[in-house]
Amino acid sequence: MLKRFVFAIIIGLCLAGGAYAQDVGKNAVVVIETSMGTVKIELFAKEAPLSVKKFLDYASSGFYDGTIFHRVIPNFMIQGGGFTADMNEKPTKAPVKNEAGNGLKNDRGTLAMARTNIVDSATAQFFISVIDNDFLNHRDETVLGFGYAVFGKVIDGMAVVDKIAATRTGMKNGFPDVPATPVVIKVHQGFEIE
C-alpha cells in the first residue's frame, strides 16, 4: 500500500512539473497577412527579448499595417515593414540593441531585424531568409562580424514566403529589388504556442 502511495506521489509530481514547464515556455506567435498569402511566425522572446518587444510594440500600434515587402531578392531574403506602397519610409522609434549574439542562426525561414551598417541601428524593418544565410550570423564583436539578430521563425506559410521571393521586381523611386506589384502587409498578434 505504501509503495502505491509513494508511486502516486511521484507520478503526480512529475505531471505537475511537466505542466509547469509547458506554461513557462510559451512563445508569442504573430500572423503576417500579405496580399500574396498568410505567414505564421513564432517569436523567440527568451533569446531576443528586445527585438521581440520592439516588433510587438510596432505590431500592436498598427505600424506594419499597409507597409510592404519593399526589398525582395530571390535566393536570399524578403524585407519589409518600413515603407508604404508608394515607397515612402514610415517614421520609426529609437533603434534597438542588436541581439545577433543570441545563438540563433539566419537559416531558411528565420525572421531577423534589418539594419544599416551601424550595428545597433535596427528599428522596424525585418526580413525573412529564404535560404540559410550563414554570412549574416554573428561571428564576433566587430562591425563586419556582428551579424543580424534573429528573433523568430516561420512555422506556417513558407510557401507564401517563397512565392513573394519569386515575384518580379525592379526599380521604384530609386530603390532596387522592389516588387512590381506591391506585397502589402498586415500583422496580427496575440497567439501563444507551447
N, C-alpha and C. Protein backbone atom coordinates (compact mmCIF):
# COMPACT_ATOMS: atom_id res chain seq x y z
N MET A 1 0.83 -1.20 0.00
CA MET A 1 0.00 0.00 0.00
C MET A 1 0.87 1.25 0.00
N LEU A 2 1.90 1.25 0.84
CA LEU A 2 2.81 2.40 0.92
C LEU A 2 3.51 2.62 -0.43
N LYS A 3 3.87 1.52 -1.10
CA LYS A 3 4.53 1.64 -2.40
C LYS A 3 3.61 2.33 -3.40
N ARG A 4 2.34 1.97 -3.40
CA ARG A 4 1.39 2.60 -4.32
C ARG A 4 1.25 4.08 -4.01
N PHE A 5 1.20 4.42 -2.74
CA PHE A 5 1.07 5.82 -2.33
C PHE A 5 2.28 6.62 -2.79
N VAL A 6 3.48 6.11 -2.55
CA VAL A 6 4.72 6.79 -2.97
C VAL A 6 4.76 6.92 -4.50
N PHE A 7 4.37 5.84 -5.18
CA PHE A 7 4.34 5.86 -6.64
C PHE A 7 3.37 6.93 -7.15
N ALA A 8 2.19 7.01 -6.53
CA ALA A 8 1.20 8.02 -6.91
C ALA A 8 1.72 9.43 -6.69
N ILE A 9 2.43 9.66 -5.59
CA ILE A 9 3.02 10.98 -5.29
C ILE A 9 4.05 11.33 -6.35
N ILE A 10 4.91 10.39 -6.70
CA ILE A 10 5.96 10.63 -7.70
C ILE A 10 5.33 10.95 -9.05
N ILE A 11 4.34 10.16 -9.45
CA ILE A 11 3.67 10.42 -10.73
C ILE A 11 3.01 11.80 -10.71
N GLY A 12 2.35 12.13 -9.62
CA GLY A 12 1.70 13.45 -9.50
C GLY A 12 2.69 14.59 -9.62
N LEU A 13 3.84 14.45 -8.96
CA LEU A 13 4.87 15.50 -9.04
C LEU A 13 5.42 15.62 -10.45
N CYS A 14 5.63 14.49 -11.11
CA CYS A 14 6.14 14.53 -12.49
C CYS A 14 5.14 15.22 -13.41
N LEU A 15 3.86 14.88 -13.27
CA LEU A 15 2.85 15.51 -14.12
C LEU A 15 2.74 16.99 -13.83
N ALA A 16 2.79 17.38 -12.58
CA ALA A 16 2.71 18.80 -12.23
C ALA A 16 3.92 19.54 -12.76
N GLY A 17 5.10 18.93 -12.65
CA GLY A 17 6.31 19.56 -13.18
C GLY A 17 6.24 19.74 -14.67
N GLY A 18 5.69 18.75 -15.39
CA GLY A 18 5.54 18.85 -16.83
C GLY A 18 4.60 19.97 -17.22
N ALA A 19 3.50 20.11 -16.49
CA ALA A 19 2.54 21.18 -16.79
C ALA A 19 3.18 22.54 -16.54
N TYR A 20 3.95 22.66 -15.48
CA TYR A 20 4.61 23.93 -15.18
C TYR A 20 5.60 24.29 -16.28
N ALA A 21 6.37 23.32 -16.77
CA ALA A 21 7.36 23.59 -17.82
C ALA A 21 6.68 24.07 -19.09
N GLN A 22 5.51 23.50 -19.40
CA GLN A 22 4.81 23.93 -20.60
C GLN A 22 4.34 25.37 -20.47
N ASP A 23 3.88 25.77 -19.30
CA ASP A 23 3.40 27.14 -19.13
C ASP A 23 4.53 28.15 -19.24
N VAL A 24 5.71 27.79 -18.75
CA VAL A 24 6.84 28.71 -18.75
C VAL A 24 7.36 28.96 -20.16
N GLY A 25 7.32 27.94 -21.03
CA GLY A 25 7.98 28.03 -22.32
C GLY A 25 7.16 28.54 -23.48
N LYS A 26 6.06 29.22 -23.24
CA LYS A 26 5.22 29.67 -24.35
C LYS A 26 5.86 30.84 -25.10
N ASN A 27 5.78 30.78 -26.43
CA ASN A 27 6.26 31.86 -27.29
C ASN A 27 5.08 32.52 -27.99
N ALA A 28 5.19 33.81 -28.19
CA ALA A 28 4.17 34.53 -28.94
C ALA A 28 4.24 34.13 -30.40
N VAL A 29 3.10 34.14 -31.05
CA VAL A 29 3.01 33.87 -32.48
C VAL A 29 2.29 35.04 -33.12
N VAL A 30 2.83 35.52 -34.23
CA VAL A 30 2.16 36.57 -35.00
C VAL A 30 1.80 36.03 -36.37
N VAL A 31 0.77 36.62 -36.94
CA VAL A 31 0.35 36.27 -38.30
C VAL A 31 0.58 37.49 -39.16
N ILE A 32 1.37 37.30 -40.21
CA ILE A 32 1.60 38.36 -41.19
C ILE A 32 0.73 38.04 -42.39
N GLU A 33 -0.33 38.81 -42.54
CA GLU A 33 -1.17 38.69 -43.73
C GLU A 33 -0.54 39.53 -44.82
N THR A 34 -0.43 38.96 -46.01
CA THR A 34 0.08 39.72 -47.15
C THR A 34 -0.91 39.59 -48.29
N SER A 35 -0.73 40.40 -49.29
CA SER A 35 -1.58 40.31 -50.47
C SER A 35 -1.30 39.05 -51.27
N MET A 36 -0.30 38.26 -50.87
CA MET A 36 0.02 37.01 -51.55
C MET A 36 -0.23 35.79 -50.68
N GLY A 37 -0.73 35.98 -49.47
CA GLY A 37 -0.99 34.87 -48.57
C GLY A 37 -0.59 35.19 -47.15
N THR A 38 -0.76 34.21 -46.27
CA THR A 38 -0.54 34.39 -44.83
C THR A 38 0.67 33.60 -44.35
N VAL A 39 1.44 34.23 -43.45
CA VAL A 39 2.63 33.61 -42.86
C VAL A 39 2.48 33.68 -41.34
N LYS A 40 2.68 32.55 -40.67
CA LYS A 40 2.60 32.50 -39.21
C LYS A 40 4.03 32.35 -38.67
N ILE A 41 4.37 33.21 -37.69
CA ILE A 41 5.74 33.25 -37.17
C ILE A 41 5.76 33.13 -35.66
N GLU A 42 6.61 32.24 -35.17
CA GLU A 42 6.86 32.11 -33.73
C GLU A 42 7.98 33.06 -33.36
N LEU A 43 7.79 33.83 -32.28
CA LEU A 43 8.80 34.78 -31.83
C LEU A 43 9.57 34.22 -30.63
N PHE A 44 10.88 34.45 -30.60
CA PHE A 44 11.75 33.89 -29.56
C PHE A 44 12.14 34.95 -28.54
N ALA A 45 11.23 35.23 -27.61
CA ALA A 45 11.44 36.28 -26.61
C ALA A 45 12.56 35.93 -25.63
N LYS A 46 12.78 34.66 -25.37
CA LYS A 46 13.86 34.28 -24.45
C LYS A 46 15.23 34.64 -25.03
N GLU A 47 15.42 34.35 -26.32
CA GLU A 47 16.71 34.60 -26.96
C GLU A 47 16.88 36.04 -27.42
N ALA A 48 15.79 36.70 -27.79
CA ALA A 48 15.87 38.06 -28.34
C ALA A 48 14.77 38.95 -27.75
N PRO A 49 14.81 39.18 -26.43
CA PRO A 49 13.71 39.92 -25.77
C PRO A 49 13.52 41.34 -26.29
N LEU A 50 14.60 42.04 -26.58
CA LEU A 50 14.48 43.43 -27.05
C LEU A 50 13.88 43.51 -28.45
N SER A 51 14.33 42.63 -29.33
CA SER A 51 13.83 42.61 -30.71
C SER A 51 12.36 42.22 -30.74
N VAL A 52 11.98 41.19 -29.97
CA VAL A 52 10.59 40.75 -29.93
C VAL A 52 9.70 41.86 -29.38
N LYS A 53 10.14 42.50 -28.30
CA LYS A 53 9.34 43.58 -27.72
C LYS A 53 9.16 44.72 -28.74
N LYS A 54 10.22 45.10 -29.41
CA LYS A 54 10.16 46.18 -30.40
C LYS A 54 9.17 45.80 -31.52
N PHE A 55 9.30 44.57 -32.04
CA PHE A 55 8.42 44.11 -33.11
C PHE A 55 6.97 44.11 -32.66
N LEU A 56 6.70 43.57 -31.47
CA LEU A 56 5.32 43.52 -30.96
C LEU A 56 4.76 44.91 -30.67
N ASP A 57 5.61 45.82 -30.21
CA ASP A 57 5.16 47.21 -30.00
C ASP A 57 4.70 47.83 -31.31
N TYR A 58 5.49 47.64 -32.36
CA TYR A 58 5.10 48.17 -33.68
C TYR A 58 3.82 47.48 -34.17
N ALA A 59 3.75 46.16 -34.00
CA ALA A 59 2.58 45.41 -34.47
C ALA A 59 1.32 45.86 -33.74
N SER A 60 1.38 46.00 -32.42
CA SER A 60 0.18 46.36 -31.65
C SER A 60 -0.28 47.78 -31.94
N SER A 61 0.62 48.64 -32.37
CA SER A 61 0.23 50.02 -32.70
C SER A 61 -0.34 50.15 -34.11
N GLY A 62 -0.29 49.05 -34.89
CA GLY A 62 -0.76 49.09 -36.27
C GLY A 62 0.27 49.63 -37.25
N PHE A 63 1.49 49.84 -36.79
CA PHE A 63 2.55 50.41 -37.62
C PHE A 63 2.74 49.64 -38.93
N TYR A 64 2.76 48.31 -38.84
CA TYR A 64 3.06 47.50 -40.02
C TYR A 64 1.92 47.44 -41.04
N ASP A 65 0.70 47.72 -40.61
CA ASP A 65 -0.44 47.61 -41.50
C ASP A 65 -0.31 48.61 -42.65
N GLY A 66 -0.33 48.08 -43.87
CA GLY A 66 -0.18 48.92 -45.05
C GLY A 66 1.25 49.10 -45.52
N THR A 67 2.22 48.57 -44.76
CA THR A 67 3.60 48.58 -45.27
C THR A 67 3.72 47.43 -46.28
N ILE A 68 4.86 47.36 -46.92
CA ILE A 68 5.06 46.36 -47.97
C ILE A 68 6.37 45.62 -47.76
N PHE A 69 6.50 44.49 -48.46
CA PHE A 69 7.82 43.88 -48.63
C PHE A 69 8.46 44.66 -49.77
N HIS A 70 9.38 45.55 -49.41
CA HIS A 70 9.94 46.51 -50.37
C HIS A 70 11.27 46.07 -50.98
N ARG A 71 11.87 45.04 -50.44
CA ARG A 71 13.16 44.55 -50.94
C ARG A 71 13.08 43.03 -51.02
N VAL A 72 13.04 42.53 -52.23
CA VAL A 72 12.83 41.10 -52.46
C VAL A 72 13.94 40.59 -53.36
N ILE A 73 14.76 39.69 -52.83
CA ILE A 73 15.89 39.16 -53.60
C ILE A 73 15.81 37.64 -53.58
N PRO A 74 15.54 37.02 -54.74
CA PRO A 74 15.46 35.55 -54.79
C PRO A 74 16.75 34.91 -54.27
N ASN A 75 16.61 33.75 -53.66
CA ASN A 75 17.75 33.01 -53.10
C ASN A 75 18.50 33.81 -52.05
N PHE A 76 17.81 34.71 -51.37
CA PHE A 76 18.41 35.48 -50.29
C PHE A 76 17.36 35.75 -49.21
N MET A 77 16.50 36.77 -49.41
CA MET A 77 15.53 37.13 -48.38
C MET A 77 14.46 38.06 -48.94
N ILE A 78 13.39 38.25 -48.11
CA ILE A 78 12.38 39.26 -48.39
C ILE A 78 12.37 40.21 -47.19
N GLN A 79 12.38 41.51 -47.46
CA GLN A 79 12.47 42.52 -46.40
C GLN A 79 11.27 43.45 -46.45
N GLY A 80 10.74 43.78 -45.29
CA GLY A 80 9.59 44.67 -45.24
C GLY A 80 9.45 45.36 -43.91
N GLY A 81 8.31 46.05 -43.77
CA GLY A 81 7.98 46.67 -42.50
C GLY A 81 8.40 48.12 -42.34
N GLY A 82 8.81 48.79 -43.39
CA GLY A 82 9.28 50.16 -43.22
C GLY A 82 8.76 51.16 -44.25
N PHE A 83 8.28 50.65 -45.39
CA PHE A 83 7.85 51.53 -46.48
C PHE A 83 6.39 51.25 -46.85
N THR A 84 5.72 52.31 -47.31
CA THR A 84 4.37 52.17 -47.85
C THR A 84 4.48 51.79 -49.32
N ALA A 85 3.34 51.48 -49.94
CA ALA A 85 3.33 51.05 -51.34
C ALA A 85 3.90 52.10 -52.30
N ASP A 86 3.85 53.37 -51.92
CA ASP A 86 4.43 54.41 -52.78
C ASP A 86 5.89 54.70 -52.42
N MET A 87 6.49 53.81 -51.65
CA MET A 87 7.90 53.86 -51.25
C MET A 87 8.24 55.06 -50.37
N ASN A 88 7.29 55.47 -49.55
CA ASN A 88 7.57 56.46 -48.51
C ASN A 88 7.94 55.71 -47.24
N GLU A 89 9.08 56.07 -46.65
CA GLU A 89 9.51 55.41 -45.42
C GLU A 89 8.73 55.96 -44.24
N LYS A 90 8.24 55.05 -43.40
CA LYS A 90 7.47 55.46 -42.23
C LYS A 90 8.42 55.89 -41.11
N PRO A 91 8.05 56.90 -40.34
CA PRO A 91 8.89 57.31 -39.21
C PRO A 91 8.88 56.23 -38.14
N THR A 92 10.05 56.03 -37.53
CA THR A 92 10.20 54.94 -36.55
C THR A 92 10.60 55.48 -35.18
N LYS A 93 10.59 54.57 -34.22
CA LYS A 93 11.06 54.88 -32.87
C LYS A 93 12.58 54.65 -32.82
N ALA A 94 13.15 54.84 -31.65
CA ALA A 94 14.60 54.66 -31.47
C ALA A 94 15.02 53.23 -31.84
N PRO A 95 16.25 53.06 -32.31
CA PRO A 95 16.74 51.72 -32.65
C PRO A 95 16.84 50.82 -31.43
N VAL A 96 16.93 49.53 -31.71
CA VAL A 96 17.05 48.51 -30.66
C VAL A 96 18.48 47.99 -30.65
N LYS A 97 18.95 47.56 -29.48
CA LYS A 97 20.29 46.96 -29.38
C LYS A 97 20.31 45.65 -30.16
N ASN A 98 21.35 45.45 -30.93
CA ASN A 98 21.50 44.26 -31.76
C ASN A 98 21.71 43.03 -30.89
N GLU A 99 20.84 42.03 -31.05
CA GLU A 99 20.91 40.79 -30.27
C GLU A 99 21.41 39.62 -31.11
N ALA A 100 22.23 39.88 -32.12
CA ALA A 100 22.70 38.83 -33.02
C ALA A 100 23.54 37.77 -32.32
N GLY A 101 24.09 38.08 -31.17
CA GLY A 101 24.90 37.11 -30.43
C GLY A 101 24.08 36.15 -29.59
N ASN A 102 22.80 35.99 -29.90
CA ASN A 102 21.91 35.16 -29.08
C ASN A 102 21.96 33.67 -29.40
N GLY A 103 22.79 33.27 -30.36
CA GLY A 103 22.93 31.85 -30.70
C GLY A 103 22.01 31.40 -31.83
N LEU A 104 21.03 32.21 -32.20
CA LEU A 104 20.13 31.85 -33.30
C LEU A 104 20.80 32.18 -34.63
N LYS A 105 20.59 31.34 -35.62
CA LYS A 105 21.23 31.50 -36.93
C LYS A 105 20.25 32.00 -37.97
N ASN A 106 20.75 32.72 -38.96
CA ASN A 106 19.95 33.23 -40.07
C ASN A 106 19.72 32.11 -41.09
N ASP A 107 18.95 31.11 -40.67
CA ASP A 107 18.64 29.97 -41.52
C ASP A 107 17.35 30.22 -42.30
N ARG A 108 17.09 29.35 -43.25
CA ARG A 108 15.86 29.45 -44.05
C ARG A 108 14.64 29.54 -43.12
N GLY A 109 13.80 30.53 -43.38
CA GLY A 109 12.57 30.69 -42.62
C GLY A 109 12.68 31.51 -41.35
N THR A 110 13.87 32.01 -41.03
CA THR A 110 14.00 32.82 -39.82
C THR A 110 13.65 34.27 -40.10
N LEU A 111 13.18 34.93 -39.04
CA LEU A 111 12.83 36.34 -39.06
C LEU A 111 13.92 37.09 -38.32
N ALA A 112 14.48 38.12 -38.93
CA ALA A 112 15.57 38.88 -38.32
C ALA A 112 15.33 40.37 -38.49
N MET A 113 16.00 41.15 -37.64
CA MET A 113 15.93 42.60 -37.73
C MET A 113 16.82 43.09 -38.87
N ALA A 114 16.25 43.94 -39.73
CA ALA A 114 17.04 44.59 -40.78
C ALA A 114 17.71 45.81 -40.15
N ARG A 115 18.88 46.16 -40.66
CA ARG A 115 19.61 47.30 -40.12
C ARG A 115 20.52 47.89 -41.17
N THR A 116 21.16 49.01 -40.83
CA THR A 116 22.16 49.61 -41.71
C THR A 116 23.52 49.01 -41.35
N ASN A 117 24.60 49.63 -41.81
CA ASN A 117 25.94 49.16 -41.45
C ASN A 117 26.30 49.47 -39.99
N ILE A 118 25.47 50.24 -39.32
CA ILE A 118 25.68 50.51 -37.89
C ILE A 118 25.06 49.36 -37.11
N VAL A 119 25.85 48.73 -36.24
CA VAL A 119 25.43 47.51 -35.53
C VAL A 119 24.08 47.67 -34.82
N ASP A 120 23.88 48.74 -34.06
CA ASP A 120 22.66 48.93 -33.28
C ASP A 120 21.69 49.90 -33.96
N SER A 121 21.39 49.67 -35.24
CA SER A 121 20.55 50.62 -35.99
C SER A 121 19.17 50.08 -36.36
N ALA A 122 18.84 48.85 -35.99
CA ALA A 122 17.55 48.26 -36.37
C ALA A 122 16.40 48.99 -35.69
N THR A 123 15.36 49.25 -36.47
CA THR A 123 14.17 49.91 -35.91
C THR A 123 12.95 49.02 -36.16
N ALA A 124 12.27 49.20 -37.29
CA ALA A 124 11.03 48.47 -37.55
C ALA A 124 11.17 47.41 -38.64
N GLN A 125 12.10 47.59 -39.55
CA GLN A 125 12.20 46.67 -40.68
C GLN A 125 12.73 45.31 -40.27
N PHE A 126 12.23 44.29 -40.96
CA PHE A 126 12.60 42.90 -40.69
C PHE A 126 12.77 42.18 -42.01
N PHE A 127 13.38 41.01 -41.96
CA PHE A 127 13.48 40.19 -43.17
C PHE A 127 13.32 38.72 -42.82
N ILE A 128 12.87 37.97 -43.81
CA ILE A 128 12.75 36.51 -43.69
C ILE A 128 13.72 35.90 -44.68
N SER A 129 14.62 35.06 -44.20
CA SER A 129 15.59 34.39 -45.07
C SER A 129 14.91 33.29 -45.86
N VAL A 130 15.22 33.20 -47.15
CA VAL A 130 14.66 32.13 -47.97
C VAL A 130 15.67 31.01 -48.21
N ILE A 131 16.91 31.23 -47.75
CA ILE A 131 17.95 30.19 -47.73
C ILE A 131 18.71 30.36 -46.42
N ASP A 132 19.60 29.43 -46.11
CA ASP A 132 20.50 29.60 -44.96
C ASP A 132 21.50 30.69 -45.33
N ASN A 133 21.47 31.79 -44.58
CA ASN A 133 22.37 32.93 -44.84
C ASN A 133 23.44 33.00 -43.75
N ASP A 134 24.37 32.04 -43.80
CA ASP A 134 25.40 31.96 -42.76
C ASP A 134 26.22 33.24 -42.63
N PHE A 135 26.43 33.95 -43.74
CA PHE A 135 27.26 35.15 -43.69
C PHE A 135 26.60 36.27 -42.88
N LEU A 136 25.31 36.14 -42.56
CA LEU A 136 24.62 37.14 -41.72
C LEU A 136 24.67 36.81 -40.24
N ASN A 137 25.24 35.66 -39.89
CA ASN A 137 25.30 35.23 -38.49
C ASN A 137 26.36 36.00 -37.71
N HIS A 138 26.16 36.06 -36.40
CA HIS A 138 27.12 36.70 -35.50
C HIS A 138 28.40 35.87 -35.47
N ARG A 139 29.53 36.54 -35.76
CA ARG A 139 30.84 35.87 -35.72
C ARG A 139 31.73 36.44 -34.63
N ASP A 140 31.65 37.76 -34.45
CA ASP A 140 32.48 38.44 -33.45
C ASP A 140 31.88 39.81 -33.16
N GLU A 141 32.56 40.60 -32.35
CA GLU A 141 32.02 41.89 -31.91
C GLU A 141 32.39 43.07 -32.83
N THR A 142 33.04 42.78 -33.97
CA THR A 142 33.40 43.86 -34.90
C THR A 142 32.18 44.28 -35.71
N VAL A 143 32.28 45.42 -36.36
CA VAL A 143 31.17 45.90 -37.20
C VAL A 143 30.85 44.89 -38.30
N LEU A 144 31.86 44.34 -38.94
CA LEU A 144 31.65 43.39 -40.03
C LEU A 144 31.21 42.01 -39.55
N GLY A 145 31.55 41.65 -38.32
CA GLY A 145 31.24 40.31 -37.83
C GLY A 145 30.05 40.21 -36.91
N PHE A 146 29.42 41.34 -36.58
CA PHE A 146 28.38 41.31 -35.55
C PHE A 146 27.13 40.54 -35.99
N GLY A 147 26.72 40.70 -37.22
CA GLY A 147 25.59 39.93 -37.73
C GLY A 147 24.24 40.59 -37.54
N TYR A 148 23.20 39.83 -37.87
CA TYR A 148 21.81 40.30 -37.84
C TYR A 148 21.01 39.46 -36.86
N ALA A 149 20.24 40.11 -36.00
CA ALA A 149 19.54 39.44 -34.90
C ALA A 149 18.31 38.68 -35.36
N VAL A 150 18.37 37.36 -35.24
CA VAL A 150 17.21 36.51 -35.49
C VAL A 150 16.33 36.56 -34.24
N PHE A 151 15.00 36.73 -34.46
CA PHE A 151 14.10 36.77 -33.31
C PHE A 151 12.81 35.98 -33.54
N GLY A 152 12.74 35.22 -34.63
CA GLY A 152 11.57 34.41 -34.89
C GLY A 152 11.80 33.45 -36.05
N LYS A 153 10.78 32.60 -36.28
CA LYS A 153 10.88 31.61 -37.35
C LYS A 153 9.48 31.33 -37.90
N VAL A 154 9.41 31.18 -39.22
CA VAL A 154 8.15 30.83 -39.88
C VAL A 154 7.76 29.41 -39.45
N ILE A 155 6.53 29.28 -38.94
CA ILE A 155 6.03 27.95 -38.57
C ILE A 155 4.91 27.49 -39.51
N ASP A 156 4.41 28.39 -40.32
CA ASP A 156 3.41 28.05 -41.33
C ASP A 156 3.42 29.15 -42.40
N GLY A 157 3.41 28.75 -43.66
CA GLY A 157 3.36 29.74 -44.73
C GLY A 157 4.67 29.98 -45.46
N MET A 158 5.62 29.06 -45.33
CA MET A 158 6.90 29.26 -46.03
C MET A 158 6.69 29.25 -47.55
N ALA A 159 5.66 28.57 -48.03
CA ALA A 159 5.36 28.59 -49.46
C ALA A 159 4.99 30.00 -49.91
N VAL A 160 4.33 30.76 -49.03
CA VAL A 160 3.98 32.15 -49.34
C VAL A 160 5.26 32.99 -49.41
N VAL A 161 6.18 32.78 -48.47
CA VAL A 161 7.46 33.49 -48.48
C VAL A 161 8.20 33.20 -49.78
N ASP A 162 8.23 31.94 -50.19
CA ASP A 162 8.89 31.57 -51.45
C ASP A 162 8.22 32.23 -52.65
N LYS A 163 6.89 32.32 -52.62
CA LYS A 163 6.15 32.96 -53.71
C LYS A 163 6.50 34.45 -53.78
N ILE A 164 6.60 35.10 -52.62
CA ILE A 164 6.99 36.52 -52.58
C ILE A 164 8.41 36.67 -53.13
N ALA A 165 9.30 35.77 -52.71
CA ALA A 165 10.71 35.85 -53.15
C ALA A 165 10.85 35.67 -54.66
N ALA A 166 9.89 35.01 -55.28
CA ALA A 166 9.96 34.75 -56.73
C ALA A 166 9.23 35.81 -57.56
N THR A 167 8.62 36.79 -56.90
CA THR A 167 7.86 37.79 -57.63
C THR A 167 8.77 38.69 -58.46
N ARG A 168 8.24 39.24 -59.53
CA ARG A 168 9.01 40.12 -60.42
C ARG A 168 9.31 41.43 -59.69
N THR A 169 10.54 41.89 -59.79
CA THR A 169 10.97 43.12 -59.11
C THR A 169 11.62 44.08 -60.10
N GLY A 170 11.84 45.30 -59.64
CA GLY A 170 12.52 46.31 -60.46
C GLY A 170 12.83 47.53 -59.61
N MET A 171 13.19 48.61 -60.27
CA MET A 171 13.48 49.88 -59.60
C MET A 171 12.17 50.65 -59.38
N LYS A 172 12.08 51.29 -58.23
CA LYS A 172 10.94 52.17 -57.96
C LYS A 172 11.43 53.30 -57.07
N ASN A 173 11.26 54.52 -57.52
CA ASN A 173 11.70 55.71 -56.76
C ASN A 173 13.16 55.61 -56.32
N GLY A 174 13.99 55.03 -57.16
CA GLY A 174 15.41 54.91 -56.86
C GLY A 174 15.79 53.71 -56.02
N PHE A 175 14.84 52.87 -55.65
CA PHE A 175 15.12 51.67 -54.84
C PHE A 175 15.11 50.43 -55.73
N PRO A 176 16.16 49.58 -55.63
CA PRO A 176 16.17 48.34 -56.41
C PRO A 176 15.39 47.23 -55.70
N ASP A 177 15.09 46.18 -56.44
CA ASP A 177 14.50 44.94 -55.89
C ASP A 177 13.11 45.12 -55.28
N VAL A 178 12.36 46.11 -55.79
CA VAL A 178 11.00 46.37 -55.31
C VAL A 178 10.01 45.57 -56.15
N PRO A 179 9.12 44.78 -55.52
CA PRO A 179 8.13 44.03 -56.31
C PRO A 179 7.33 44.95 -57.24
N ALA A 180 7.12 44.50 -58.48
CA ALA A 180 6.35 45.26 -59.47
C ALA A 180 4.92 45.49 -58.98
N THR A 181 4.36 44.48 -58.35
CA THR A 181 3.04 44.59 -57.71
C THR A 181 3.28 44.59 -56.21
N PRO A 182 2.88 45.66 -55.50
CA PRO A 182 3.16 45.73 -54.06
C PRO A 182 2.64 44.52 -53.28
N VAL A 183 3.48 44.01 -52.39
CA VAL A 183 3.09 42.93 -51.48
C VAL A 183 2.81 43.60 -50.14
N VAL A 184 1.52 43.86 -49.89
CA VAL A 184 1.09 44.64 -48.72
C VAL A 184 1.02 43.75 -47.48
N ILE A 185 1.38 44.34 -46.32
CA ILE A 185 1.49 43.63 -45.05
C ILE A 185 0.44 44.11 -44.05
N LYS A 186 -0.05 43.16 -43.24
CA LYS A 186 -0.83 43.46 -42.04
C LYS A 186 -0.42 42.42 -41.01
N VAL A 187 -0.07 42.86 -39.78
CA VAL A 187 0.41 41.95 -38.75
C VAL A 187 -0.64 41.84 -37.63
N HIS A 188 -0.95 40.58 -37.27
CA HIS A 188 -1.84 40.31 -36.13
C HIS A 188 -1.02 39.61 -35.06
N GLN A 189 -1.30 39.88 -33.81
CA GLN A 189 -0.57 39.23 -32.73
C GLN A 189 -1.53 38.71 -31.69
N GLY A 190 -0.97 38.12 -30.63
CA GLY A 190 -1.78 37.69 -29.50
C GLY A 190 -1.92 36.20 -29.37
N PHE A 191 -1.29 35.44 -30.23
CA PHE A 191 -1.35 34.00 -30.13
C PHE A 191 -0.17 33.51 -29.31
N GLU A 192 -0.31 32.35 -28.66
CA GLU A 192 0.80 31.73 -27.96
C GLU A 192 0.84 30.26 -28.29
N ILE A 193 2.05 29.71 -28.35
CA ILE A 193 2.20 28.26 -28.52
C ILE A 193 3.10 27.76 -27.42
N GLU A 194 3.09 26.48 -27.24
CA GLU A 194 3.95 25.89 -26.20
C GLU A 194 5.25 25.44 -26.80
